N, C-alpha and C. Protein backbone atom coordinates (compact mmCIF):
# COMPACT_ATOMS: atom_id res chain seq x y z
N MET A 1 39.66 -2.19 -4.03
CA MET A 1 38.60 -1.51 -4.10
C MET A 1 37.67 -2.98 -4.64
N SER A 2 36.24 -3.09 -4.03
CA SER A 2 35.62 -4.58 -4.25
C SER A 2 35.06 -4.72 -5.75
N GLY A 3 34.60 -6.11 -6.00
CA GLY A 3 34.19 -6.35 -7.23
C GLY A 3 33.11 -5.63 -7.82
N SER A 4 32.91 -5.35 -8.98
CA SER A 4 31.90 -4.36 -9.71
C SER A 4 30.37 -5.35 -9.47
N GLY A 5 30.33 -6.66 -9.19
CA GLY A 5 28.98 -6.87 -9.25
C GLY A 5 28.61 -7.22 -7.46
N GLU A 6 29.55 -6.50 -6.87
CA GLU A 6 28.99 -6.44 -5.19
C GLU A 6 28.10 -5.68 -4.81
N ILE A 7 27.26 -5.41 -4.12
CA ILE A 7 26.38 -4.55 -3.61
C ILE A 7 26.77 -4.24 -2.20
N PRO A 8 27.11 -2.83 -1.97
CA PRO A 8 27.43 -2.61 -0.65
C PRO A 8 26.49 -2.79 0.28
N PRO A 9 27.03 -2.57 1.53
CA PRO A 9 26.54 -3.40 2.81
C PRO A 9 25.28 -2.39 2.76
N MET A 10 25.36 -1.02 2.76
CA MET A 10 24.60 -0.08 3.06
C MET A 10 23.32 -0.04 2.32
N VAL A 11 23.49 -0.43 1.06
CA VAL A 11 22.64 -0.59 0.10
C VAL A 11 21.45 -1.58 0.10
N GLN A 12 22.27 -2.52 0.56
CA GLN A 12 21.56 -4.16 0.84
C GLN A 12 20.64 -3.55 1.99
N ASN A 13 21.21 -3.01 2.95
CA ASN A 13 20.56 -2.54 4.09
C ASN A 13 19.30 -1.98 3.86
N GLN A 14 19.41 -0.72 2.85
CA GLN A 14 18.31 -0.28 2.19
C GLN A 14 17.43 -0.95 1.66
N ILE A 15 17.72 -1.85 1.09
CA ILE A 15 16.93 -2.66 -0.23
C ILE A 15 15.87 -3.51 1.39
N ALA A 16 16.92 -3.95 2.03
CA ALA A 16 15.72 -4.78 3.14
C ALA A 16 14.68 -3.82 3.88
N GLN A 17 15.13 -2.80 3.99
CA GLN A 17 14.47 -1.74 4.76
C GLN A 17 13.13 -1.40 3.70
N LEU A 18 13.39 -1.16 2.51
CA LEU A 18 12.50 -1.05 1.33
C LEU A 18 11.49 -2.04 1.52
N GLN A 19 12.03 -3.08 1.75
CA GLN A 19 10.89 -4.51 1.16
C GLN A 19 10.44 -4.66 3.05
N GLN A 20 10.72 -4.17 3.83
CA GLN A 20 10.29 -4.15 5.04
C GLN A 20 9.15 -2.86 5.00
N LEU A 21 9.25 -1.91 4.71
CA LEU A 21 8.17 -0.95 4.53
C LEU A 21 7.20 -1.10 3.28
N LYS A 22 7.42 -1.78 2.21
CA LYS A 22 6.59 -2.58 1.44
C LYS A 22 5.52 -3.50 2.19
N LEU A 23 6.06 -4.31 2.71
CA LEU A 23 5.06 -5.03 3.65
C LEU A 23 4.25 -4.70 4.81
N GLN A 24 4.54 -3.21 5.12
CA GLN A 24 4.21 -2.59 6.26
C GLN A 24 2.86 -2.14 5.27
N LEU A 25 3.22 -1.34 4.21
CA LEU A 25 2.31 -0.93 3.60
C LEU A 25 1.30 -1.70 2.98
N GLU A 26 1.67 -2.60 2.84
CA GLU A 26 0.58 -3.94 2.34
C GLU A 26 -0.63 -4.29 3.40
N ALA A 27 0.43 -4.13 4.66
CA ALA A 27 -0.58 -4.51 5.87
C ALA A 27 -1.75 -3.72 6.45
N VAL A 28 -1.31 -2.26 6.19
CA VAL A 28 -1.85 -1.26 6.76
C VAL A 28 -3.14 -1.22 5.66
N SER A 29 -2.79 -1.21 4.48
CA SER A 29 -3.55 -1.35 3.28
C SER A 29 -4.92 -1.90 3.36
N ARG A 30 -4.66 -3.43 3.74
CA ARG A 30 -5.45 -4.53 4.21
C ARG A 30 -6.45 -4.30 5.43
N GLN A 31 -5.58 -3.41 6.12
CA GLN A 31 -6.44 -3.23 7.92
C GLN A 31 -7.50 -2.31 7.25
N LYS A 32 -6.78 -1.47 6.48
CA LYS A 32 -7.71 -0.18 5.86
C LYS A 32 -9.34 -0.60 5.01
N VAL A 33 -8.86 -1.65 4.58
CA VAL A 33 -9.75 -2.38 3.71
C VAL A 33 -10.91 -2.90 4.40
N GLN A 34 -10.38 -3.78 5.60
CA GLN A 34 -11.29 -4.47 6.34
C GLN A 34 -12.13 -3.36 7.15
N VAL A 35 -11.25 -2.08 8.05
CA VAL A 35 -12.39 -1.55 8.64
C VAL A 35 -13.20 -0.67 7.69
N GLU A 36 -12.87 -0.36 6.34
CA GLU A 36 -13.57 0.35 5.82
C GLU A 36 -14.93 -0.85 5.72
N ALA A 37 -14.80 -1.67 5.38
CA ALA A 37 -16.04 -2.41 5.19
C ALA A 37 -16.73 -2.76 6.34
N LEU A 38 -16.27 -2.43 7.78
CA LEU A 38 -16.88 -2.83 8.98
C LEU A 38 -17.57 -1.17 9.01
N LEU A 39 -17.04 -0.23 8.87
CA LEU A 39 -17.80 1.00 8.91
C LEU A 39 -18.91 1.09 7.79
N ARG A 40 -18.88 0.54 6.55
CA ARG A 40 -20.00 0.39 5.66
C ARG A 40 -21.27 -0.62 5.97
N ASP A 41 -20.77 -1.42 6.74
CA ASP A 41 -21.69 -2.13 7.33
C ASP A 41 -22.62 -1.51 8.72
N ALA A 42 -22.23 -0.83 9.43
CA ALA A 42 -22.39 -0.06 10.67
C ALA A 42 -23.22 1.11 10.01
N GLU A 43 -22.95 1.47 9.16
CA GLU A 43 -23.34 2.51 8.39
C GLU A 43 -24.89 2.09 7.94
N ALA A 44 -24.71 1.04 7.06
CA ALA A 44 -26.31 0.51 6.30
C ALA A 44 -26.83 0.10 7.37
N ALA A 45 -26.00 -0.46 8.67
CA ALA A 45 -27.19 -1.03 9.91
C ALA A 45 -27.79 0.21 10.35
N LEU A 46 -27.37 1.26 10.75
CA LEU A 46 -27.89 2.13 11.27
C LEU A 46 -28.79 2.96 10.54
N LYS A 47 -28.68 2.82 8.84
CA LYS A 47 -29.75 3.71 7.94
C LYS A 47 -30.84 2.55 8.33
N GLU A 48 -30.80 1.30 8.06
CA GLU A 48 -31.75 0.48 8.35
C GLU A 48 -32.61 0.93 9.63
N LEU A 49 -32.00 0.77 10.84
CA LEU A 49 -32.50 1.08 11.74
C LEU A 49 -33.73 2.28 11.88
N GLU A 50 -33.28 3.37 11.41
CA GLU A 50 -33.76 4.49 11.35
C GLU A 50 -34.96 4.53 10.71
N ASN A 51 -35.08 3.42 9.41
CA ASN A 51 -36.12 3.30 8.77
C ASN A 51 -37.34 2.20 9.47
N LEU A 52 -37.05 1.61 10.63
CA LEU A 52 -38.19 0.98 11.20
C LEU A 52 -38.61 1.80 12.55
N ASP A 53 -39.95 1.54 12.94
CA ASP A 53 -40.19 2.44 13.58
C ASP A 53 -39.99 1.82 15.45
N ASP A 54 -40.28 2.91 16.15
CA ASP A 54 -39.86 2.46 17.76
C ASP A 54 -40.25 1.34 18.20
N ASN A 55 -41.37 0.63 17.73
CA ASN A 55 -41.37 -0.34 18.43
C ASN A 55 -41.39 -1.69 17.80
N SER A 56 -40.63 -1.65 16.55
CA SER A 56 -40.04 -2.60 16.12
C SER A 56 -39.35 -3.83 16.89
N VAL A 57 -39.64 -5.09 16.42
CA VAL A 57 -38.84 -6.00 17.39
C VAL A 57 -37.51 -6.20 16.68
N ILE A 58 -36.59 -6.01 17.49
CA ILE A 58 -34.76 -5.86 16.75
C ILE A 58 -34.23 -7.47 17.57
N TYR A 59 -33.46 -8.23 16.96
CA TYR A 59 -32.77 -9.21 17.57
C TYR A 59 -31.34 -8.97 17.04
N ARG A 60 -30.42 -9.44 18.30
CA ARG A 60 -29.07 -9.25 18.28
C ARG A 60 -28.47 -10.90 18.22
N THR A 61 -27.79 -11.43 17.59
CA THR A 61 -27.02 -12.81 17.78
C THR A 61 -25.98 -12.57 18.85
N VAL A 62 -26.20 -13.37 19.46
CA VAL A 62 -24.83 -13.39 20.76
C VAL A 62 -24.58 -15.08 20.86
N GLY A 63 -23.34 -15.23 19.78
CA GLY A 63 -22.81 -16.54 20.23
C GLY A 63 -23.91 -17.29 19.09
N GLU A 64 -24.73 -18.60 19.85
CA GLU A 64 -25.49 -19.20 19.05
C GLU A 64 -26.96 -18.86 19.51
N LEU A 65 -27.26 -17.60 20.20
CA LEU A 65 -28.28 -17.01 20.80
C LEU A 65 -28.93 -15.87 19.73
N MET A 66 -30.11 -15.70 19.73
CA MET A 66 -30.65 -14.37 19.38
C MET A 66 -31.80 -13.79 20.67
N ILE A 67 -31.02 -12.47 20.60
CA ILE A 67 -31.65 -11.61 21.85
C ILE A 67 -32.72 -10.66 21.35
N LYS A 68 -33.75 -10.42 22.02
CA LYS A 68 -34.09 -9.45 21.61
C LYS A 68 -33.84 -8.29 22.37
N VAL A 69 -33.68 -7.01 21.73
CA VAL A 69 -33.26 -5.64 22.35
C VAL A 69 -33.74 -4.68 21.85
N ALA A 70 -33.87 -3.60 22.41
CA ALA A 70 -34.66 -2.30 22.51
C ALA A 70 -33.72 -1.93 21.09
N LYS A 71 -34.72 -0.95 20.42
CA LYS A 71 -34.01 -0.14 19.49
C LYS A 71 -33.06 1.08 19.55
N VAL A 72 -33.05 1.51 20.59
CA VAL A 72 -32.45 2.68 21.26
C VAL A 72 -31.00 1.83 21.72
N ASP A 73 -31.01 0.63 22.38
CA ASP A 73 -29.70 0.12 22.52
C ASP A 73 -29.15 -0.40 21.38
N VAL A 74 -29.50 -0.52 20.34
CA VAL A 74 -28.75 -1.05 19.08
C VAL A 74 -28.20 0.25 18.56
N LYS A 75 -29.22 1.29 18.43
CA LYS A 75 -28.75 2.32 17.73
C LYS A 75 -27.48 3.28 18.52
N LYS A 76 -27.52 2.81 19.61
CA LYS A 76 -26.29 3.51 20.46
C LYS A 76 -25.19 2.81 20.40
N ASP A 77 -25.33 1.03 20.16
CA ASP A 77 -24.24 0.30 20.04
C ASP A 77 -23.51 0.57 18.98
N LEU A 78 -24.53 0.69 17.68
CA LEU A 78 -23.54 0.63 16.25
C LEU A 78 -23.33 1.93 16.07
N SER A 79 -23.71 3.39 16.95
CA SER A 79 -23.37 4.51 16.72
C SER A 79 -21.95 4.39 17.35
N GLU A 80 -21.63 3.99 18.63
CA GLU A 80 -20.38 3.72 18.82
C GLU A 80 -19.32 2.93 18.37
N LYS A 81 -19.83 2.07 17.41
CA LYS A 81 -18.90 0.88 16.59
C LYS A 81 -18.71 1.91 15.60
N LYS A 82 -19.63 2.70 14.99
CA LYS A 82 -19.50 3.40 13.66
C LYS A 82 -18.35 4.60 14.21
N GLU A 83 -18.45 5.11 15.20
CA GLU A 83 -17.43 6.21 15.66
C GLU A 83 -15.84 5.28 16.09
N THR A 84 -15.86 4.39 16.28
CA THR A 84 -14.58 3.81 16.38
C THR A 84 -14.01 3.21 15.29
N TYR A 85 -14.90 2.73 14.47
CA TYR A 85 -14.58 2.44 12.98
C TYR A 85 -13.83 3.85 12.11
N ASP A 86 -14.24 4.82 12.46
CA ASP A 86 -14.20 5.95 11.68
C ASP A 86 -12.58 6.84 12.43
N LEU A 87 -12.59 6.43 13.54
CA LEU A 87 -11.35 6.81 14.20
C LEU A 87 -10.04 5.64 13.97
N ARG A 88 -10.49 4.61 13.56
CA ARG A 88 -9.48 3.76 13.42
C ARG A 88 -9.30 3.77 11.85
N LEU A 89 -9.84 4.29 11.31
CA LEU A 89 -9.69 4.19 9.79
C LEU A 89 -8.91 5.69 9.59
N LYS A 90 -9.14 6.57 10.20
CA LYS A 90 -8.33 7.88 10.23
C LYS A 90 -7.13 7.84 10.65
N THR A 91 -6.96 6.69 11.58
CA THR A 91 -5.80 6.62 12.11
C THR A 91 -4.97 5.43 11.00
N LEU A 92 -5.46 4.63 10.64
CA LEU A 92 -4.75 3.87 9.63
C LEU A 92 -4.51 4.63 8.07
N GLU A 93 -5.51 5.88 7.92
CA GLU A 93 -5.13 6.68 6.77
C GLU A 93 -3.41 7.40 7.20
N ARG A 94 -3.66 8.25 8.34
CA ARG A 94 -2.40 8.75 8.88
C ARG A 94 -0.92 7.51 8.49
N GLN A 95 -1.37 6.43 9.33
CA GLN A 95 -0.15 5.55 9.08
C GLN A 95 0.18 5.11 7.75
N GLU A 96 -0.95 5.01 6.91
CA GLU A 96 -0.63 4.66 5.40
C GLU A 96 0.21 5.72 4.93
N GLU A 97 -0.22 6.79 5.21
CA GLU A 97 0.48 8.17 4.78
C GLU A 97 2.22 8.04 5.01
N ARG A 98 2.50 8.07 6.35
CA ARG A 98 3.80 8.19 6.84
C ARG A 98 4.59 6.84 6.28
N VAL A 99 3.76 5.66 6.43
CA VAL A 99 4.36 4.70 5.74
C VAL A 99 5.17 4.86 4.39
N LEU A 100 4.19 5.66 3.46
CA LEU A 100 3.96 5.67 2.13
C LEU A 100 5.37 6.72 1.79
N LYS A 101 5.38 7.30 2.72
CA LYS A 101 6.35 8.83 2.77
C LYS A 101 7.57 8.32 3.01
N LYS A 102 7.64 7.55 4.02
CA LYS A 102 9.26 6.76 4.16
C LYS A 102 9.84 6.09 2.73
N TYR A 103 8.52 5.25 2.21
CA TYR A 103 8.99 4.05 1.22
C TYR A 103 9.25 4.99 0.26
N GLN A 104 8.90 6.24 -0.15
CA GLN A 104 9.21 6.76 -1.39
C GLN A 104 10.69 7.50 -0.90
N GLN A 105 10.83 8.06 0.22
CA GLN A 105 12.10 8.68 0.58
C GLN A 105 13.37 7.55 0.40
N LEU A 106 13.27 6.49 0.87
CA LEU A 106 14.11 5.50 0.96
C LEU A 106 14.32 4.92 -0.42
N GLN A 107 13.19 4.82 -1.21
CA GLN A 107 12.96 4.48 -2.77
C GLN A 107 14.25 5.35 -3.67
N GLN A 108 13.97 6.65 -3.22
CA GLN A 108 14.77 7.76 -3.75
C GLN A 108 16.19 7.78 -3.38
N GLN A 109 16.31 7.71 -2.04
CA GLN A 109 17.91 7.54 -1.62
C GLN A 109 18.72 6.26 -2.55
N LEU A 110 17.58 5.08 -2.61
CA LEU A 110 18.30 3.94 -2.78
C LEU A 110 18.97 4.08 -4.31
N GLN A 111 17.95 4.93 -5.00
CA GLN A 111 18.06 5.19 -6.22
C GLN A 111 19.24 6.09 -6.88
N GLN A 112 19.38 6.71 -5.59
CA GLN A 112 20.70 8.07 -5.95
C GLN A 112 21.77 7.15 -5.42
N ALA A 113 21.90 6.34 -4.60
CA ALA A 113 23.06 5.61 -4.18
C ALA A 113 23.38 4.68 -5.48
N LEU A 114 22.36 3.80 -6.15
CA LEU A 114 22.60 2.95 -7.04
C LEU A 114 23.48 3.88 -8.34
N GLY A 115 22.82 4.81 -8.52
CA GLY A 115 23.07 5.42 -9.50
C GLY A 115 24.60 6.23 -9.50
N ALA A 116 24.73 6.51 -8.08
CA ALA A 116 26.10 6.99 -7.56
C ALA A 116 27.06 5.85 -7.74
N ALA A 117 26.76 4.62 -7.37
CA ALA A 117 27.63 3.31 -7.28
C ALA A 117 27.92 3.08 -9.08
N GLY A 118 26.94 3.30 -9.78
CA GLY A 118 27.03 3.08 -11.31
C GLY A 118 27.96 3.80 -11.83
N THR A 119 27.78 5.20 -11.27
CA THR A 119 28.88 5.95 -12.03
C THR A 119 30.26 6.13 -11.52
N ALA A 120 30.21 5.46 -10.05
CA ALA A 120 31.79 5.58 -9.38
C ALA A 120 32.58 4.53 -10.05
N SER A 121 31.68 3.27 -10.41
CA SER A 121 32.63 2.43 -10.92
C SER A 121 32.53 2.39 -12.47
N THR A 122 31.78 3.10 -13.06
CA THR A 122 32.46 3.35 -14.35
C THR A 122 33.79 4.03 -14.51
N PRO A 123 34.55 3.69 -15.40
CA PRO A 123 36.16 3.95 -15.42
C PRO A 123 36.04 5.20 -16.23
N THR A 124 36.84 6.33 -15.92
CA THR A 124 36.39 7.90 -16.61
C THR A 124 38.09 7.88 -17.55
N THR A 125 37.90 8.65 -18.66
CA THR A 125 39.49 8.63 -19.22
C THR A 125 39.85 10.36 -19.03
N MET A 126 40.66 10.46 -18.70
CA MET A 126 41.38 12.15 -18.18
C MET A 126 42.30 12.28 -19.23
N GLY A 127 41.90 12.96 -20.51
CA GLY A 127 42.77 13.68 -21.54
C GLY A 127 44.09 12.54 -21.71
N ALA A 128 43.62 11.39 -21.99
CA ALA A 128 44.64 10.29 -22.67
C ALA A 128 45.06 10.44 -24.26
């Protein structure tokens, strides 16, 4: 039997997987925050656009240039961006749920393995 301080390779592997899942969860969460901010910006811009009359002058920055554009074109572009951000956000939410579920399952398995290892290494007395 191995020394009591050693962690079995299977448990070491599970710990590594758990750390990897935690990193994935953090990355997805950061992406989700970024997409939520982009979505809020697009929604705010669309709302402001609605407040303008149809013959208002609108400019779009392209690199270092500001180009005059029609309200209808800007509205169409912003609506498409909003739709894309909505879809991306839903995808990230589903991905976050899946990774979180895997993380929780692995965490539970790891706790059970460590609990079982702890009880297995504890000597028991039998009718001595």
